[in-house]
Protein backbone atom coordinates (compact mmCIF):
# COMPACT_ATOMS: atom_id res chain seq x y z
CA LYS A 1 108.16 102.59 -9.59
CA MET A 2 112.36 101.63 -8.59
CA SER A 3 112.73 97.81 -8.58
CA MET A 4 113.32 96.27 -4.49
CA ARG A 5 116.71 95.80 -5.78
CA SER A 6 117.54 99.67 -7.05
CA LEU A 7 115.91 100.66 -3.84
CA SER A 8 117.88 98.36 -1.67
CA SER A 9 121.22 99.73 -3.42
CA SER A 10 120.13 103.39 -2.81
CA ILE A 11 119.65 102.54 0.67
CA PHE A 12 122.70 101.39 1.06
CA THR A 13 124.28 103.39 -0.28
CA GLN A 14 122.40 106.85 1.43
CA VAL A 15 123.28 104.52 4.72
CA GLY A 16 127.32 104.55 3.83
CA LEU A 17 127.26 107.94 3.60
CA ILE A 18 125.73 108.75 7.01
CA ALA A 19 128.08 105.97 8.35
CA LEU A 20 131.37 108.68 6.64
CA ARG A 21 129.97 111.79 8.01
CA GLY A 22 128.94 109.87 11.57
CA GLY A 23 132.39 108.50 11.32
CA ARG A 24 133.97 112.38 11.31
CA ARG A 25 131.45 113.61 13.50
CA THR A 26 132.25 111.34 16.05
CA ASN A 27 135.75 111.79 15.49
CA THR A 28 136.04 115.11 15.91
CA MET A 29 133.71 115.00 19.14
CA LYS A 30 136.58 112.46 19.71
CA VAL A 31 133.30 109.97 20.75
CA PRO A 32 134.32 106.81 19.96
CA ILE A 33 133.87 105.38 16.06
CA ALA A 34 132.12 102.26 17.37
CA ILE A 35 128.61 103.46 18.44
CA GLY A 36 128.74 105.08 14.93
CA LEU A 37 129.34 102.28 14.06
CA SER A 38 126.66 100.72 15.74
CA SER A 39 123.31 102.74 15.05
CA THR A 40 124.89 102.43 11.44
CA LEU A 41 124.26 98.50 11.42
CA ILE A 42 120.60 99.17 14.04
CA LEU A 43 119.40 101.45 10.99
CA CYS A 44 120.41 98.68 8.30
CA CYS A 45 118.10 95.84 10.36
CA PHE A 46 115.65 98.81 10.96
CA LEU A 47 115.03 99.26 7.07
CA LEU A 48 116.07 95.88 5.96
CA LEU A 49 112.88 94.63 7.72
CA PHE A 50 111.04 97.40 6.53
CA GLN A 51 112.15 96.27 3.03
CA PHE A 52 111.62 92.32 3.55
CA ARG A 53 107.66 93.54 5.08
CA THR A 54 107.46 95.08 1.98
CA LEU A 55 108.52 92.86 -0.75
CA TYR A 56 106.41 89.94 1.39
CA HIS A 57 104.16 90.45 3.84
CA LEU A 58 100.47 93.28 2.56
CA THR A 59 100.40 96.34 2.19
CA THR A 60 97.86 98.70 3.55
CA THR A 61 97.73 101.38 0.85
CA LYS A 62 94.65 101.95 -1.20
CA ASP A 63 96.85 101.18 -4.73
CA ALA A 64 100.05 100.13 -3.87
CA GLU A 65 101.86 97.10 -5.78
CA ILE A 66 104.37 94.35 -5.02
CA LYS A 67 106.37 93.20 -7.77
CA LEU A 68 107.62 89.67 -7.27
CA GLU A 69 110.80 89.37 -7.51
CA PRO A 70 111.50 85.63 -8.79
CA GLU A 71 114.70 84.30 -6.66
CA ARG A 72 112.38 84.96 -3.54
CA ILE A 73 109.04 82.91 -5.24
CA HIS A 74 110.02 79.20 -3.99
CA HIS A 75 110.67 80.76 -0.60
CA ASP A 76 107.56 82.37 -0.67
CA ILE A 77 105.13 79.95 -2.10
CA CYS A 78 106.71 77.02 0.21
CA LYS A 79 106.80 78.46 3.54
CA LEU A 80 103.16 79.26 2.28
CA ALA A 81 101.92 75.78 1.94
CA LYS A 82 103.47 74.65 4.87
CA GLN A 83 102.13 77.47 7.05
CA LEU A 84 98.38 77.74 4.88
CA ASP A 85 95.82 75.40 6.96
CA VAL A 86 92.64 75.45 3.97
CA GLU A 87 90.93 72.46 4.33
CA SER A 88 90.53 72.90 7.78
CA GLN A 89 88.03 75.89 6.70
CA ASN A 90 84.44 75.17 6.57
CA TYR A 91 82.89 76.11 2.80
CA SER A 92 79.31 75.55 1.58
CA SER A 93 78.76 77.11 -1.19
CA TYR A 94 75.19 75.88 -2.67
CA LYS A 95 74.73 74.39 1.25
CA LEU A 96 76.94 71.65 -0.25
CA GLY A 97 80.00 69.95 1.49
CA LEU A 98 83.41 70.38 -0.21
CA GLN A 99 85.75 67.95 0.18
CA TRP A 100 89.37 68.87 -0.57
CA SER A 101 90.46 64.85 -0.05
CA ASN A 102 91.74 64.76 -4.03
CA VAL A 103 93.31 67.73 -4.10
CA ASN A 104 96.36 69.70 -3.16
CA HIS A 105 95.85 73.82 -2.30
CA VAL A 106 97.45 75.50 -5.64
CA THR A 107 100.29 76.80 -3.17
CA LYS A 108 101.49 73.19 -2.89
CA SER A 109 101.46 72.32 -6.05
CA LEU A 110 103.74 75.13 -6.97
CA CYS A 111 105.63 74.13 -4.23
CA ARG A 112 106.48 71.60 -5.79
CA ARG A 113 106.77 72.07 -8.95
CA SER A 114 109.60 75.11 -7.99
CA LEU A 115 111.33 72.03 -6.62
CA SER A 116 112.67 70.35 -10.05
CA ARG A 117 112.95 73.94 -11.81
CA SER A 118 113.46 77.69 -10.97
CA SER A 119 111.14 80.01 -10.83
CA SER A 120 112.72 82.03 -13.83
CA ASN A 121 112.35 79.14 -15.77
CA GLY A 122 108.38 79.17 -14.13
CA TYR A 123 107.99 82.43 -16.20
CA ASP A 124 109.25 81.41 -19.97
CA VAL A 125 107.54 78.63 -19.65
CA TYR A 126 104.35 80.43 -21.74
CA ASN A 127 105.76 81.72 -23.62
CA LYS A 128 107.94 78.95 -25.69
CA TYR A 129 104.59 76.65 -24.86
CA LYS A 130 102.25 79.47 -26.70
CA GLN A 131 104.80 79.24 -29.54
CA ASP A 132 105.53 75.55 -29.74
CA ARG A 133 101.46 75.41 -29.82
CA VAL A 134 101.09 77.98 -32.92
CA GLN A 135 103.36 76.49 -35.11
CA ASN A 136 102.04 72.89 -34.79
CA GLU A 137 98.61 72.40 -33.79
CA THR A 138 95.78 73.74 -32.51
CA SER A 139 93.82 72.15 -29.04
CA SER A 140 91.89 69.18 -29.54
CA ILE A 141 90.54 70.11 -26.40
CA ILE A 142 89.38 72.86 -24.02
CA LEU A 143 89.00 72.73 -20.95
CA THR A 144 87.81 75.68 -18.22
CA PHE A 145 87.39 76.17 -14.53
CA LYS A 146 85.82 78.65 -12.82
CA VAL A 147 83.65 79.50 -9.97
CA ALA A 148 80.03 81.84 -10.53
CA ARG A 149 80.25 85.25 -11.58
CA SER A 150 83.85 84.72 -12.82
CA GLY A 151 82.95 85.84 -16.77
CA SER A 152 82.75 82.15 -18.19
CA THR A 153 79.69 82.40 -20.06
CA PHE A 154 81.50 85.34 -21.79
CA PHE A 155 84.92 83.06 -22.22
CA SER A 156 83.21 80.22 -23.46
CA ASP A 157 81.09 81.98 -25.88
CA VAL A 158 84.15 83.28 -27.60
CA ILE A 159 85.95 80.23 -27.22
CA LYS A 160 83.85 78.21 -29.31
CA ARG A 161 83.03 81.41 -31.80
CA SER A 162 86.46 82.66 -32.85
CA LEU A 163 87.24 78.19 -33.05
CA GLN A 164 84.44 78.14 -35.75
CA ALA A 165 85.87 81.25 -36.92
CA ILE A 166 89.19 79.22 -38.11
CA ASN A 167 86.30 75.80 -39.50
CA ARG A 168 86.63 73.75 -36.39
CA PRO A 169 83.62 73.30 -35.05
CA ALA A 170 83.84 73.31 -31.09
CA TYR A 171 81.74 71.23 -29.11
CA LEU A 172 80.21 73.01 -25.73
CA ASN A 173 79.37 71.13 -22.50
CA TRP A 174 78.39 73.94 -20.61
CA GLU A 175 78.34 72.67 -16.63
CA PRO A 176 78.16 69.68 -17.00
CA TYR A 177 76.41 67.97 -13.02
CA CYS A 178 76.69 71.71 -12.04
CA ARG A 179 73.25 72.02 -10.39
CA THR A 180 73.02 71.31 -6.33
CA GLY A 181 70.24 68.00 -7.45
CA CYS A 182 73.64 66.56 -9.37
CA TYR A 183 76.12 66.22 -6.39
CA GLN A 184 76.95 62.98 -4.90
CA LEU A 185 73.92 62.16 -7.93
CA LYS A 186 76.77 59.49 -9.36
CA SER A 187 78.97 58.04 -8.24
CA PRO A 188 82.89 59.28 -9.21
CA GLU A 189 83.84 56.56 -11.21
CA LEU A 190 81.00 56.64 -13.00
CA MET A 191 82.19 60.61 -13.83
CA GLU A 192 85.19 60.26 -14.05
CA SER A 193 83.73 57.39 -17.44
CA GLU A 194 81.59 60.04 -18.28
CA LEU A 195 84.17 62.99 -18.22
CA SER A 196 86.30 61.02 -20.45
CA THR A 197 83.81 60.33 -23.14
CA ILE A 198 82.56 64.20 -23.44
CA LEU A 199 86.71 65.52 -23.19
CA SER A 200 87.84 62.81 -26.05
CA SER A 201 88.12 64.43 -29.39
CA ASN A 202 85.86 62.15 -31.10
CA CYS A 203 83.60 61.99 -28.36
CA THR A 204 81.95 59.11 -30.67
CA GLY A 205 79.92 57.57 -28.25
CA THR A 206 81.50 54.19 -28.47
CA SER A 207 82.21 54.52 -24.62
CA ASN A 208 81.17 52.15 -22.05
CA THR A 209 79.01 54.60 -20.05
CA VAL A 210 76.00 53.90 -19.91
CA ASP A 211 73.54 56.08 -17.84
CA PRO A 212 72.30 54.64 -15.16
CA PRO A 213 68.15 55.02 -15.11
CA LEU A 214 68.73 57.77 -12.36
CA CYS A 215 68.62 59.83 -16.10
CA PHE A 216 65.51 58.26 -16.80
CA THR A 217 63.93 59.29 -12.93
CA PRO A 218 61.43 62.37 -13.91
CA GLY A 219 63.27 65.31 -12.32
CA THR A 220 66.65 64.67 -12.17
CA HIS A 221 68.17 67.43 -14.31
CA LYS A 222 69.08 67.06 -17.73
CA LYS A 223 73.33 68.88 -16.67
CA CYS A 224 73.47 65.33 -14.04
CA CYS A 225 73.45 63.88 -17.80
CA PRO A 226 75.06 65.14 -19.96
CA VAL A 227 76.80 62.14 -22.06
CA PRO A 228 74.11 61.21 -24.41
CA LYS A 229 74.33 65.13 -25.75
CA CYS A 230 77.69 64.26 -26.67
CA TRP A 231 76.82 60.93 -29.09
CA LYS A 232 74.10 63.46 -30.37
CA LYS A 233 76.35 66.50 -31.48
CA HIS A 234 79.05 63.60 -32.87
CA ASN A 235 81.38 64.93 -35.20
CA TYR A 236 85.00 63.56 -35.84
CA ASN A 237 86.38 66.98 -36.13
CA ALA A 238 85.06 69.15 -33.08
CA ILE A 239 87.89 70.47 -30.37
CA SER A 240 85.48 69.75 -27.25
CA VAL A 241 85.16 72.55 -24.93
CA LEU A 242 83.57 71.94 -21.01
CA SER A 243 83.63 74.51 -18.84
CA LEU A 244 82.55 73.60 -15.16
CA ASN A 245 83.16 74.87 -11.79
CA PRO A 246 84.44 71.83 -9.99
CA ARG A 247 83.20 72.68 -6.59
CA PHE A 248 79.91 70.03 -7.72
CA LEU A 249 81.97 67.00 -8.80
CA ASP A 250 84.66 67.34 -5.89
CA SER A 251 84.87 64.19 -5.60
CA VAL A 252 86.59 62.64 -8.84
CA HIS A 253 90.09 62.51 -9.71
CA TRP A 254 91.03 64.48 -11.83
CA ASP A 255 94.66 63.09 -12.41
CA LYS A 256 92.76 59.55 -13.21
CA ILE A 257 90.48 60.92 -15.66
CA LEU A 258 93.40 63.36 -17.74
CA SER A 259 96.09 60.94 -17.19
CA PRO A 260 99.44 60.59 -19.35
CA SER A 261 97.26 57.75 -21.51
CA PHE A 262 94.43 59.90 -21.98
CA PRO A 263 94.26 60.69 -26.05
CA ASN A 264 95.58 63.77 -27.05
CA ILE A 265 96.65 65.00 -23.99
CA SER A 266 99.80 66.88 -25.26
CA SER A 267 97.31 68.84 -27.17
CA ALA A 268 94.40 69.86 -24.16
CA SER A 269 94.16 73.34 -22.48
CA VAL A 270 93.33 73.50 -19.31
CA PHE A 271 91.90 77.50 -18.27
CA ASN A 272 91.48 78.20 -15.21
CA LEU A 273 89.15 81.53 -14.66
CA ARG A 274 89.20 84.09 -11.19
CA ARG A 275 88.30 87.01 -10.62
CA THR A 276 89.96 88.88 -7.90
CA ASN A 277 87.61 91.90 -6.70
CA LEU A 278 85.87 89.71 -3.87
CA VAL A 279 83.35 92.18 -3.15
CA LYS A 280 82.19 93.15 -6.60
CA LEU A 281 82.18 88.89 -6.98
CA ALA A 282 80.27 88.81 -4.46
CA TYR A 283 77.48 91.38 -5.09
CA SER A 284 77.12 90.43 -8.77
CA LYS A 285 76.55 86.32 -7.01
CA TYR A 286 73.89 88.01 -4.37
CA HIS A 287 71.84 89.00 -7.32
CA HIS A 288 72.40 85.78 -9.47
CA ASP A 289 70.34 82.94 -7.82
CA GLY A 290 71.93 84.58 -4.55
CA CYS A 291 75.11 82.98 -2.10
CA PRO A 292 73.38 80.17 -0.15
CA ALA A 293 75.61 78.40 2.26
CA ILE A 294 75.79 76.23 5.61
CA GLN A 295 76.09 77.88 9.38
CA ASP A 296 79.71 77.92 10.15
CA GLY A 297 80.04 79.56 13.41
CA LYS A 298 81.06 82.81 11.73
CA ASN A 299 78.19 84.46 12.73
CA PHE A 300 76.66 84.77 8.83
CA LEU A 301 73.59 84.67 8.32
CA ALA A 302 72.82 80.73 6.82
CA ASN A 303 70.27 82.06 4.35
CA ASP A 304 69.99 82.97 1.12
CA CYS A 305 70.93 85.96 0.77
CA LYS A 306 68.95 86.57 -2.16
CA PRO A 307 67.20 89.81 -2.87
CA GLU A 308 63.43 89.57 -2.26
CA LYS A 309 60.68 92.07 -3.08
CA GLU A 310 59.22 94.12 -0.54
CA ASN A 311 56.80 96.57 -0.56
CA ASN A 312 57.51 97.15 -4.27
CA SER A 313 61.49 97.61 -3.18
CA THR A 314 64.43 95.13 -3.54
CA THR A 315 66.26 94.15 0.02
CA PRO A 316 69.48 95.56 0.49
CA PHE A 317 72.75 93.59 0.20
CA SER A 318 73.05 93.56 3.69
CA PHE A 319 76.97 93.01 5.65
CA ASP A 320 76.38 89.88 7.34
CA CYS A 321 75.58 88.60 2.63
CA LEU A 322 78.84 90.62 1.64
CA LEU A 323 80.78 88.14 4.35
CA GLN A 324 78.75 85.37 3.47
CA CYS A 325 79.83 85.99 -0.65
CA VAL A 326 82.45 86.63 -0.14
CA GLN A 327 83.82 83.52 2.70
CA HIS A 328 81.67 80.87 0.59
CA TYR A 329 81.95 81.77 -3.17
CA GLY A 330 84.58 84.20 -3.21
CA ILE A 331 87.54 82.37 -1.31
CA GLY A 332 86.14 78.73 -1.09
CA ASP A 333 85.22 77.92 -4.26
CA GLN A 334 87.72 79.62 -6.73
CA GLU A 335 90.56 78.85 -4.33
CA PHE A 336 89.35 74.95 -5.25
CA SER A 337 89.31 75.62 -8.86
CA SER A 338 92.18 77.24 -8.99
CA SER A 339 93.76 73.73 -6.87
CA VAL A 340 91.19 71.10 -8.93
CA ALA A 341 92.29 72.78 -12.35
CA PHE A 342 96.42 72.35 -11.15
CA THR A 343 95.52 68.23 -10.79
CA ALA A 344 94.02 68.25 -14.12
CA ALA A 345 96.83 70.61 -15.45
CA GLU A 346 99.74 68.34 -14.25
CA ASN A 347 99.90 65.89 -17.80
CA THR A 348 99.17 68.47 -20.24
CA LYS A 349 102.44 69.86 -22.08
CA MET A 350 101.95 72.99 -19.60
CA HIS A 351 101.74 71.42 -16.38
CA GLN A 352 99.77 73.38 -15.28
CA PRO A 353 96.84 75.47 -15.68
CA TYR A 354 96.67 79.54 -18.22
CA LEU A 355 95.09 82.07 -16.24
CA VAL A 356 92.25 84.11 -16.58
CA LEU A 357 91.69 87.42 -14.26
CA TYR A 358 88.31 89.32 -14.47
CA GLU A 359 89.73 92.30 -14.48
CA ASP A 360 92.55 92.06 -17.44
CA VAL A 361 90.07 90.58 -19.70
CA ILE A 362 87.95 94.25 -18.75
CA ARG A 363 90.57 96.30 -18.60
CA ASP A 364 92.38 94.74 -22.17
CA GLN A 365 90.39 92.97 -23.39
CA PRO A 366 92.44 92.60 -27.61
CA HIS A 367 95.69 91.90 -25.12
CA ALA A 368 93.64 89.19 -23.39
CA SER A 369 91.85 87.52 -26.17
CA LYS A 370 95.16 87.46 -27.75
CA GLU A 371 97.69 86.21 -25.82
CA ILE A 372 94.47 82.98 -24.76
CA PHE A 373 93.71 82.44 -28.54
CA ASN A 374 97.63 81.91 -28.64
CA TYR A 375 97.54 79.82 -26.27
CA VAL A 376 95.15 77.15 -28.04
CA GLY A 377 97.39 77.81 -30.97
CA VAL A 378 94.35 79.92 -32.92
CA LYS A 379 95.91 82.97 -35.27
CA ILE A 380 94.57 86.53 -33.73
CA GLU A 381 95.08 88.86 -36.70
CA GLU A 382 96.51 92.24 -35.72
CA GLY A 383 92.92 94.54 -34.75
CA ASP A 384 90.45 91.73 -33.89
CA ASN A 385 88.79 91.50 -30.79
CA TYR A 386 87.05 88.91 -30.05
CA PHE A 387 85.87 89.47 -26.50
CA GLN A 388 84.45 93.02 -27.57
CA ASN A 389 82.45 91.52 -30.79
CA THR A 390 80.91 88.65 -28.07
CA ASN A 391 77.36 89.01 -27.08
CA GLN A 392 77.75 89.05 -23.40
CA THR A 393 77.42 91.63 -21.40
CA LYS A 394 77.94 92.67 -17.69
CA LEU A 395 74.46 93.41 -15.77
CA HIS A 396 76.18 96.11 -13.39
CA GLY A 397 78.53 98.45 -13.61
CA ASP A 398 82.08 99.58 -12.36
CA ASP A 399 80.74 101.07 -8.71
CA ILE A 400 78.23 99.66 -7.00
CA CYS A 401 78.36 102.12 -4.74
CA GLN A 402 76.12 104.14 -7.01
CA TYR A 403 73.16 101.13 -6.24
CA SER A 404 70.33 101.74 -3.77
CA ASP A 405 71.06 98.34 -1.86
CA VAL A 406 74.45 98.92 -0.86
CA ASN A 407 75.33 101.00 1.16
CA CYS A 408 79.10 101.69 1.26
CA ALA A 409 79.32 104.00 4.34
CA ASP A 410 77.91 101.37 6.39
CA TRP A 411 80.17 98.98 5.26
CA LYS A 412 83.35 101.37 5.21
CA VAL A 413 82.92 102.12 9.20
CA LYS A 414 82.47 98.07 9.35
CA LEU A 415 85.89 97.23 6.82
CA GLU A 416 87.60 99.48 8.33
CA LYS A 417 87.66 97.85 11.66
CA ASP A 418 88.95 94.26 10.95
CA TYR A 419 88.62 93.92 7.09
CA PRO A 420 91.58 95.56 5.22
CA CYS A 421 91.49 93.55 2.26
CA LEU A 422 87.95 93.64 1.77
CA LEU A 423 87.52 97.74 1.94
CA LYS A 424 90.34 98.53 -0.95
CA GLN A 425 88.47 96.20 -3.23
CA LEU A 426 85.06 98.15 -2.33
CA TYR A 427 86.04 101.45 -4.56
CA SER A 428 88.53 100.14 -6.43
CA SER A 429 88.20 99.77 -10.48
CA SER A 430 86.92 96.62 -12.27
CA THR A 431 90.40 96.99 -13.41
CA VAL A 432 92.72 96.51 -11.01
CA ALA A 433 93.13 93.10 -9.66
CA TRP A 434 94.32 92.06 -6.49
CA SER A 435 96.19 89.55 -4.74
CA ALA A 436 94.37 86.79 -2.40
CA PRO A 437 93.21 88.11 1.22
CA ILE A 438 95.62 86.04 3.71
CA GLU A 439 95.77 86.98 6.78
CA SER A 440 99.01 85.78 8.88
CA THR A 441 101.22 84.91 11.94
CA ALA A 442 104.23 83.85 12.86
CA ASP A 443 104.21 80.76 12.14
CA LYS A 444 100.48 80.37 10.49
CA ALA A 445 98.82 81.74 7.04
CA LYS A 446 95.16 81.23 6.42
CA LEU A 447 92.72 82.64 3.47
CA SER A 448 89.94 85.44 5.32
CA LEU A 449 87.86 87.76 5.05
CA GLN A 450 89.99 89.59 7.73
CA GLY A 451 93.36 88.83 5.85
CA ASP A 452 95.13 92.05 3.61
CA CYS A 453 95.60 91.90 0.20
CA TYR A 454 98.15 93.82 -2.04
CA ARG A 455 97.13 95.43 -6.28
CA LEU A 456 98.41 93.66 -8.62
CA PRO A 457 100.65 95.24 -11.24
CA ASP A 458 98.46 95.48 -14.77
CA LEU A 459 99.68 93.18 -17.73
CA ASP A 460 101.74 95.25 -20.30
CA ASN A 461 102.78 93.67 -24.26
CA LYS A 462 106.47 93.61 -23.08
CA ASN A 463 107.75 92.25 -20.03
CA HIS A 464 104.76 90.84 -17.67
CA ARG A 465 102.54 89.64 -20.45
CA TYR A 466 100.93 86.99 -17.92
CA ARG A 467 98.85 86.07 -15.08
CA HIS A 468 101.57 83.72 -13.05
CA TYR A 469 99.80 82.24 -9.44
CA GLU A 470 102.37 83.69 -8.04
CA GLU A 471 101.10 86.49 -8.00
């Protein structure tokens, strides 16, 4: 529980005592004091290197936590942003390509922002924004970027009903364009125009956007054409609540949609949902339409990784499917979603998304609900808990090793060899949040299945109320 600064002070106090004692002994034994001092310096260097590794690199202990030191955040994030190789990695969830050309990775956005303000001030911006929002107005736009199995259905249902509880009608547009058949079906310019219409607080249908003939073609999924639904549901007082997986709209320029001139941009709230336990995300996605992906040379099966019935039993969740689900859906989709969320929030009052981790919600639902609704300007009385009142339920329990289609004994042997982060998460509780798995060398870092990770400190009501991307 000791802070790094206190630990450092304690270390050097002990080293000083060693030096003094060593000096006395060497003087008595007529050995040059310089030898004792040199030994002390070597020990100091060793301890500093050990402390540096503990703070900036990834721990191998199962339940260890690393506490961020704000004065070092800029250095670490910018170093990682410079070294991190994301665009060259091949992610192909849903057997689709993934274009990174319109967005910067989240670390680059964080680095750029930290140049204009100190990291410590950045920690205060959530609290200040929340106070301003509650005092002045409720969000007119609630935009949520998510991925599959990140708790998004649960979250969106809660948001909608909580706003209705304060007599503000909410228009929920659930996953527009989020079907493989919608991918690149429309031009980026047309989707940007349609999304602007959907996100406008009035949603009056006065936009020049007109659905192309393809929307009237038999077989075209209704999610590819969301604007008519918006017009039909028109309400001048409605709050626009939009939730989607941006990987299906990877050609869209979100900074053009939520531009500085966009109506009510100052009262827009942008959320980003993530699930940090990649093993549990993978297992959940496997049982919800599988993890189809394109062969990428990483020895994946390159099949749909979907449970099939064989002889009245379900095919097991193989180790190869675990890696495939984590690579394309746990890492690829989530990193892209967070990066797009930063781009979309650039011109809002907050300038960055509000990060909601699945594990934080599961661990402490009252705390999560209170902070989220304060953020959008909804007053929640003490004891109210919209998360627990939702009808959404989890299909799978905390321990996936209890299921017959998972062979944890076999996985453990394989994970111990090359996958330290996934090994930790295999046996971790669903309430424990984790950092992203990063594999690093002297001058290179990458998000990787073989990377390591560390446990994040739990949120609390005093010193750690919000999640930060720097974690």
